Amino acid sequence: MLKMTEINKMDTSAINLKVAELRKELFDLKLQKATTSVEKSHLLTTIKRDIARLKTALNSKTGN
């Protein structure tokens, strides 16, 4: 789980890379959930929240 203090230290390109990485991980977990059972189902929620935190920080940095 990422904290906002960690995210605020990152620059926009690092945030974009982390979002892409987490989206790939989320896709893999969703695929695994659809085909078999997932041992750590709480990771789906955690990753979604991390993506939301990153996107919120990115929007505040760009001023949108």
C-alpha atoms as a PDB file:
ATOM      1  CA  MET A   1       0.000   0.000   0.000  1.00  0.00           C
ATOM      2  CA  LEU A   2       1.359   3.334  -1.040  1.00  0.00           C
ATOM      3  CA  LYS A   3       1.160   6.327   1.250  1.00  0.00           C
ATOM      4  CA  MET A   4       0.480   9.846   0.062  1.00  0.00           C
ATOM      5  CA  THR A   5       3.789  11.056   1.490  1.00  0.00           C
ATOM      6  CA  GLU A   6       5.616   8.567  -0.734  1.00  0.00           C
ATOM      7  CA  ILE A   7       3.519   9.491  -3.747  1.00  0.00           C
ATOM      8  CA  ASN A   8       4.027  13.232  -3.285  1.00  0.00           C
ATOM      9  CA  LYS A   9       7.793  12.726  -3.459  1.00  0.00           C
ATOM     10  CA  MET A  10       7.483  11.095  -6.897  1.00  0.00           C
ATOM     11  CA  ASP A  11       7.574  13.067 -10.139  1.00  0.00           C
ATOM     12  CA  THR A  12       4.874  12.755 -12.798  1.00  0.00           C
ATOM     13  CA  SER A  13       6.740  10.263 -14.973  1.00  0.00           C
ATOM     14  CA  ALA A  14       7.362   7.974 -11.992  1.00  0.00           C
ATOM     15  CA  ILE A  15       3.688   8.180 -11.076  1.00  0.00           C
ATOM     16  CA  ASN A  16       2.667   7.268 -14.618  1.00  0.00           C
ATOM     17  CA  LEU A  17       5.027   4.279 -14.603  1.00  0.00           C
ATOM     18  CA  LYS A  18       3.670   3.087 -11.257  1.00  0.00           C
ATOM     19  CA  VAL A  19       0.068   3.411 -12.494  1.00  0.00           C
ATOM     20  CA  ALA A  20       0.896   1.320 -15.564  1.00  0.00           C
ATOM     21  CA  GLU A  21       2.615  -1.287 -13.409  1.00  0.00           C
ATOM     22  CA  LEU A  22      -0.323  -1.504 -11.008  1.00  0.00           C
ATOM     23  CA  ARG A  23      -2.847  -1.726 -13.839  1.00  0.00           C
ATOM     24  CA  LYS A  24      -0.963  -4.696 -15.292  1.00  0.00           C
ATOM     25  CA  GLU A  25      -0.888  -6.340 -11.876  1.00  0.00           C
ATOM     26  CA  LEU A  26      -4.618  -5.678 -11.444  1.00  0.00           C
ATOM     27  CA  PHE A  27      -5.323  -7.196 -14.861  1.00  0.00           C
ATOM     28  CA  ASP A  28      -3.332 -10.310 -13.971  1.00  0.00           C
ATOM     29  CA  LEU A  29      -5.197 -10.686 -10.677  1.00  0.00           C
ATOM     30  CA  LYS A  30      -8.579 -10.270 -12.377  1.00  0.00           C
ATOM     31  CA  LEU A  31      -7.617 -12.877 -14.950  1.00  0.00           C
ATOM     32  CA  GLN A  32      -6.475 -15.241 -12.218  1.00  0.00           C
ATOM     33  CA  LYS A  33      -9.721 -14.646 -10.321  1.00  0.00           C
ATOM     34  CA  ALA A  34     -11.787 -15.453 -13.415  1.00  0.00           C
ATOM     35  CA  THR A  35      -9.934 -18.671 -14.178  1.00  0.00           C
ATOM     36  CA  THR A  36      -9.021 -19.982 -10.729  1.00  0.00           C
ATOM     37  CA  SER A  37      -9.248 -18.843  -7.156  1.00  0.00           C
ATOM     38  CA  VAL A  38      -7.113 -16.013  -5.811  1.00  0.00           C
ATOM     39  CA  GLU A  39      -5.327 -16.588  -2.521  1.00  0.00           C
ATOM     40  CA  LYS A  40      -5.081 -12.915  -1.606  1.00  0.00           C
ATOM     41  CA  SER A  41      -8.341 -11.432  -2.844  1.00  0.00           C
ATOM     42  CA  HIS A  42      -7.812  -8.283  -0.769  1.00  0.00           C
ATOM     43  CA  LEU A  43      -5.064  -7.262  -3.192  1.00  0.00           C
ATOM     44  CA  LEU A  44      -7.686  -6.347  -5.802  1.00  0.00           C
ATOM     45  CA  THR A  45      -9.093  -3.646  -3.558  1.00  0.00           C
ATOM     46  CA  THR A  46      -5.677  -2.495  -2.385  1.00  0.00           C
ATOM     47  CA  ILE A  47      -4.356  -2.086  -5.927  1.00  0.00           C
ATOM     48  CA  LYS A  48      -7.470  -0.183  -7.030  1.00  0.00           C
ATOM     49  CA  ARG A  49      -7.046   2.220  -4.125  1.00  0.00           C
ATOM     50  CA  ASP A  50      -3.342   2.692  -4.869  1.00  0.00           C
ATOM     51  CA  ILE A  51      -4.175   3.550  -8.490  1.00  0.00           C
ATOM     52  CA  ALA A  52      -6.758   6.068  -7.289  1.00  0.00           C
ATOM     53  CA  ARG A  53      -4.226   7.651  -4.907  1.00  0.00           C
ATOM     54  CA  LEU A  54      -1.661   7.935  -7.690  1.00  0.00           C
ATOM     55  CA  LYS A  55      -4.135   9.476 -10.117  1.00  0.00           C
ATOM     56  CA  THR A  56      -5.298  11.954  -7.477  1.00  0.00           C
ATOM     57  CA  ALA A  57      -1.719  13.049  -6.818  1.00  0.00           C
ATOM     58  CA  LEU A  58      -1.058  13.286 -10.555  1.00  0.00           C
ATOM     59  CA  ASN A  59      -4.100  15.525 -11.041  1.00  0.00           C
ATOM     60  CA  SER A  60      -3.056  17.800  -8.209  1.00  0.00           C
ATOM     61  CA  LYS A  61       0.480  18.101  -9.607  1.00  0.00           C
ATOM     62  CA  THR A  62      -0.711  18.940 -13.125  1.00  0.00           C
ATOM     63  CA  GLY A  63      -3.331  21.376 -11.854  1.00  0.00           C
ATOM     64  CA  ASN A  64      -6.347  19.703 -13.465  1.00  0.00           C
END
